[in-house]
Amino acid sequence: MQDQIEGTALIKPSTTDHPLYPQIVEACRSVFDPEIPVNIFDLGLVYTIEIGEESQVDITMTLTAPGCPVAGEMPGWVADAVEPLPGVKQVDVHMTFDPPWGMDMMSDEAKLELGFM
């Protein structure tokens, strides 16, 4: 991991104020990690959803582990879920392992589903 300047975020913020954001989140919630019965958004695997002025969507995500057997397929699943949404012009999904995923990134719903709460 690169050295971080003190006070800078590890993960770029999402474009939460865009009207497409809630629909994109719901589309991400339709994609599941095949090894864990929880959707990728609630697992905390989606780091950033950026929506540009032309409604192009850039999603930065990770996996629970770099050796995940679906590493090559998961970005395509996410793009396939988001691309059909009305108003979305283009979807690019980027994979990162910086910062690495941790169980603390899960939503309370995911922790409850998996018996961690």
Protein backbone atom coordinates (compact mmCIF):
# COMPACT_ATOMS: atom_id res chain seq x y z
CA MET A 1 0.00 0.00 0.00
CA GLN A 2 1.26 3.48 -0.83
CA ASP A 3 2.05 5.86 2.00
CA GLN A 4 -1.02 7.94 2.72
CA ILE A 5 -0.84 11.65 3.41
CA GLU A 6 -2.26 12.16 6.88
CA GLY A 7 -5.97 12.96 6.69
CA THR A 8 -6.52 11.63 3.15
CA ALA A 9 -9.18 9.00 2.60
CA LEU A 10 -8.11 5.49 1.62
CA ILE A 11 -11.22 5.13 -0.51
CA LYS A 12 -12.52 7.83 -2.85
CA PRO A 13 -16.03 8.98 -1.88
CA SER A 14 -19.04 7.89 -3.93
CA THR A 15 -21.32 10.22 -5.88
CA THR A 16 -24.18 9.74 -3.41
CA ASP A 17 -26.08 12.88 -4.42
CA HIS A 18 -26.67 11.71 -8.02
CA PRO A 19 -30.24 10.55 -8.80
CA LEU A 20 -28.92 7.24 -10.22
CA TYR A 21 -26.98 6.35 -7.06
CA PRO A 22 -29.79 4.50 -5.19
CA GLN A 23 -30.60 2.41 -8.29
CA ILE A 24 -26.94 1.53 -8.80
CA VAL A 25 -26.66 0.46 -5.14
CA GLU A 26 -29.72 -1.78 -5.56
CA ALA A 27 -28.20 -3.27 -8.73
CA CYS A 28 -24.98 -3.99 -6.81
CA ARG A 29 -27.09 -5.65 -4.10
CA SER A 30 -28.32 -8.12 -6.75
CA VAL A 31 -24.77 -9.52 -7.10
CA PHE A 32 -23.68 -12.10 -4.55
CA ASP A 33 -20.30 -13.46 -3.57
CA PRO A 34 -20.75 -17.18 -4.39
CA GLU A 35 -18.92 -18.24 -1.22
CA ILE A 36 -20.85 -15.98 1.18
CA PRO A 37 -24.67 -15.71 1.06
CA VAL A 38 -24.65 -11.89 1.23
CA ASN A 39 -24.66 -9.34 -1.59
CA ILE A 40 -21.44 -7.56 -2.49
CA PHE A 41 -22.66 -4.11 -1.43
CA ASP A 42 -23.58 -5.14 2.11
CA LEU A 43 -20.37 -7.17 2.34
CA GLY A 44 -18.50 -3.91 1.78
CA LEU A 45 -16.86 -5.05 -1.44
CA VAL A 46 -18.02 -1.96 -3.36
CA TYR A 47 -15.64 0.80 -2.36
CA THR A 48 -16.71 3.63 -4.67
CA ILE A 49 -19.53 4.39 -7.11
CA GLU A 50 -18.63 7.43 -9.20
CA ILE A 51 -21.23 8.84 -11.58
CA GLY A 52 -20.01 11.33 -14.16
CA GLU A 53 -21.81 14.22 -15.85
CA GLU A 54 -22.66 12.00 -18.83
CA SER A 55 -24.05 9.26 -16.51
CA GLN A 56 -20.98 7.11 -16.98
CA VAL A 57 -20.45 4.92 -13.92
CA ASP A 58 -17.07 3.93 -12.50
CA ILE A 59 -17.20 1.34 -9.73
CA THR A 60 -14.17 0.46 -7.66
CA MET A 61 -14.52 -2.79 -5.77
CA THR A 62 -12.55 -5.52 -4.10
CA LEU A 63 -12.97 -9.17 -3.15
CA THR A 64 -12.89 -10.86 0.24
CA ALA A 65 -9.50 -12.32 -0.73
CA PRO A 66 -7.14 -11.79 -3.70
CA GLY A 67 -7.29 -15.52 -4.49
CA CYS A 68 -11.09 -15.53 -4.78
CA PRO A 69 -12.06 -18.04 -7.51
CA VAL A 70 -14.43 -15.54 -9.19
CA ALA A 71 -11.91 -12.66 -9.32
CA GLY A 72 -12.00 -12.59 -13.10
CA GLU A 73 -15.79 -12.83 -13.33
CA MET A 74 -17.08 -10.58 -10.54
CA PRO A 75 -16.44 -7.22 -12.31
CA GLY A 76 -18.47 -8.46 -15.28
CA TRP A 77 -21.33 -9.53 -13.02
CA VAL A 78 -21.40 -6.05 -11.49
CA ALA A 79 -21.27 -4.33 -14.89
CA ASP A 80 -24.06 -6.61 -16.18
CA ALA A 81 -26.23 -5.66 -13.18
CA VAL A 82 -25.69 -1.88 -13.49
CA GLU A 83 -25.52 -1.33 -17.27
CA PRO A 84 -29.23 -2.01 -18.02
CA LEU A 85 -30.41 0.70 -15.61
CA PRO A 86 -32.27 3.52 -17.37
CA GLY A 87 -29.99 6.54 -17.69
CA VAL A 88 -26.70 4.67 -17.30
CA LYS A 89 -24.54 5.34 -20.35
CA GLN A 90 -21.45 3.26 -19.60
CA VAL A 91 -20.11 1.13 -16.73
CA ASP A 92 -16.48 0.46 -15.88
CA VAL A 93 -15.67 -1.78 -12.92
CA HIS A 94 -12.19 -1.62 -11.45
CA MET A 95 -10.72 -4.13 -9.00
CA THR A 96 -8.42 -3.08 -6.17
CA PHE A 97 -6.97 -4.71 -3.08
CA ASP A 98 -5.86 -1.42 -1.51
CA PRO A 99 -7.11 -1.14 1.12
CA PRO A 100 -7.65 -4.84 1.72
CA TRP A 101 -11.19 -5.91 2.59
CA GLY A 102 -11.93 -6.62 6.21
CA MET A 103 -14.98 -7.86 8.10
CA ASP A 104 -15.40 -4.39 9.62
CA MET A 105 -16.46 -3.17 6.14
CA MET A 106 -19.68 -5.23 6.24
CA SER A 107 -23.00 -3.54 6.90
CA ASP A 108 -24.84 -4.41 10.10
CA GLU A 109 -27.34 -6.37 7.97
CA ALA A 110 -24.53 -8.52 6.55
CA LYS A 111 -23.05 -9.12 10.01
CA LEU A 112 -26.48 -10.12 11.31
CA GLU A 113 -27.07 -12.43 8.31
CA LEU A 114 -23.74 -14.15 8.89
CA GLY A 115 -24.24 -14.45 12.65
CA PHE A 116 -21.61 -11.90 13.70
CA MET A 117 -24.12 -9.82 15.70
